[in-house]
Structure formats: C-alpha cells, structure tokens
C-alpha cells in the first residue's frame, strides 16, 4: 500500500466482529487510513468495521453500496442510475 495511488476495500478484511480476528482487520484498515492513497471503502459490513475502529474520517470516500460499487468500478451500468438517466431523457423530450 505504500506506493499505491488508490486503495479499494470491498468487504471487511477479516471477521472483525470476533476479538481473535479483530487485530488483523484493524491492522489492514489502519494501514489504509494512514496511506496517502485515495481510499474507497464499500459495503455495509466494511463501513461498520471502519466506524467501529474509529477510522471513518481518515478514509477518502465511504459507501454502503458494496456490490453496486464494484459493478460501477468495473464499468457496468447500474439499474438505478440507468432509470434516472432514462427519466431525465424523457423529461428533455
């Protein structure tokens, strides 16, 4: 992560809810937070882990959309966005 310009975290890195796995989750998320890279955190459980560890304001962008975020990053057309675009197009006509 040291030279990364962007870091995407989709899904919590480890079972943070269990004490015996929390140390690894904390270590990874703290490294992301300390990085100078743009950090994109996605997914409800990931956001919960970031919040529980007190790292929310150290991340560049946080989204509760996990799967949809990854689909968007891969270039897929999201149904909700497509519907809004189509509605806007109809309104222009």
Protein backbone atom coordinates (compact mmCIF):
# COMPACT_ATOMS: atom_id res chain seq x y z
CA UNK A 1 0.00 0.00 0.00
CA UNK A 2 2.97 2.28 0.44
CA UNK A 3 3.16 3.42 -3.18
CA UNK A 4 -0.49 2.93 -4.15
CA UNK A 5 -2.39 5.89 -5.53
CA UNK A 6 -5.79 4.29 -4.88
CA UNK A 7 -6.96 1.59 -2.49
CA UNK A 8 -10.36 -0.08 -2.71
CA UNK A 9 -11.64 -2.04 0.28
CA UNK A 10 -14.76 -4.03 -0.55
CA UNK A 11 -15.74 -6.29 2.29
CA UNK A 12 -14.18 -6.29 5.74
CA UNK A 13 -10.67 -7.74 5.81
CA UNK A 14 -11.33 -10.42 8.39
CA UNK A 15 -14.05 -11.30 10.86
CA UNK A 16 -13.77 -8.06 12.83
CA UNK A 17 -16.79 -8.97 14.98
CA UNK A 18 -14.71 -11.66 16.71
CA UNK A 19 -11.99 -10.49 19.06
CA UNK A 20 -9.45 -13.08 17.88
CA UNK A 21 -9.62 -11.71 14.31
CA UNK A 22 -10.03 -8.01 15.06
CA UNK A 23 -6.28 -7.34 15.24
CA UNK A 24 -5.76 -8.23 11.57
CA UNK A 25 -8.77 -6.22 10.47
CA UNK A 26 -7.58 -3.24 12.49
CA UNK A 27 -4.05 -3.51 11.08
CA UNK A 28 -5.21 -3.54 7.47
CA UNK A 29 -7.74 -0.74 7.87
CA UNK A 30 -5.29 1.41 9.85
CA UNK A 31 -2.71 0.95 7.07
CA UNK A 32 -5.30 2.08 4.51
CA UNK A 33 -6.21 5.07 6.70
CA UNK A 34 -2.56 6.05 7.14
CA UNK A 35 -1.80 5.77 3.44
CA UNK A 36 -1.60 8.86 1.25
CA UNK A 37 -3.60 7.00 -1.40
CA UNK A 38 -7.23 7.76 -2.23
CA UNK A 39 -9.13 5.21 -0.13
CA UNK A 40 -12.50 3.93 -1.29
CA UNK A 41 -14.36 1.79 1.25
CA UNK A 42 -17.50 -0.05 0.18
CA UNK A 43 -20.09 -2.32 1.73
CA UNK A 44 -22.17 -2.20 4.87
CA UNK A 45 -20.02 -4.56 6.93
CA UNK A 46 -16.85 -2.79 5.83
CA UNK A 47 -18.30 0.59 6.78
CA UNK A 48 -19.34 -0.85 10.16
CA UNK A 49 -15.79 -2.10 10.77
CA UNK A 50 -14.31 1.28 9.82
CA UNK A 51 -16.78 3.06 12.12
CA UNK A 52 -16.20 0.64 15.00
CA UNK A 53 -12.45 1.19 14.71
CA UNK A 54 -12.87 4.98 14.64
CA UNK A 55 -11.33 5.41 11.19
CA UNK A 56 -14.26 6.99 9.34
CA UNK A 57 -12.78 10.45 8.93
CA UNK A 58 -9.44 9.02 7.75
CA UNK A 59 -10.91 7.39 4.63
CA UNK A 60 -11.34 9.36 1.40
CA UNK A 61 -14.75 8.00 0.44
CA UNK A 62 -17.16 5.60 2.14
CA UNK A 63 -20.15 3.92 0.51
CA UNK A 64 -22.60 1.42 1.98
CA UNK A 65 -23.07 0.05 -1.54
CA UNK A 66 -20.75 -2.93 -1.76
CA UNK A 67 -21.70 -4.96 -4.82
CA UNK A 68 -23.07 -1.97 -6.71
CA UNK A 69 -19.87 -0.04 -6.08
CA UNK A 70 -17.76 -2.83 -7.55
CA UNK A 71 -20.12 -3.12 -10.53
CA UNK A 72 -19.77 0.63 -11.11
CA UNK A 73 -15.97 0.47 -10.89
CA UNK A 74 -15.99 -2.35 -13.45
CA UNK A 75 -17.93 -0.15 -15.84
CA UNK A 76 -21.32 -1.85 -15.54
CA UNK A 77 -24.47 0.18 -15.98
CA UNK A 78 -26.31 0.38 -12.68
CA UNK A 79 -30.10 -0.10 -12.92
CA UNK A 80 -30.98 2.85 -10.66
CA UNK A 81 -28.63 5.20 -12.49
CA UNK A 82 -29.93 3.95 -15.85
CA UNK A 83 -33.52 4.60 -14.75
CA UNK A 84 -32.63 8.15 -13.68
CA UNK A 85 -30.86 8.79 -16.98
CA UNK A 86 -33.84 7.47 -18.96
CA UNK A 87 -36.28 9.58 -16.92
CA UNK A 88 -34.14 12.67 -17.49
CA UNK A 89 -34.01 11.95 -21.22
CA UNK A 90 -37.81 11.60 -21.40
CA UNK A 91 -38.22 14.85 -19.50
CA UNK A 92 -36.00 16.67 -22.02
CA UNK A 93 -38.17 15.50 -24.93
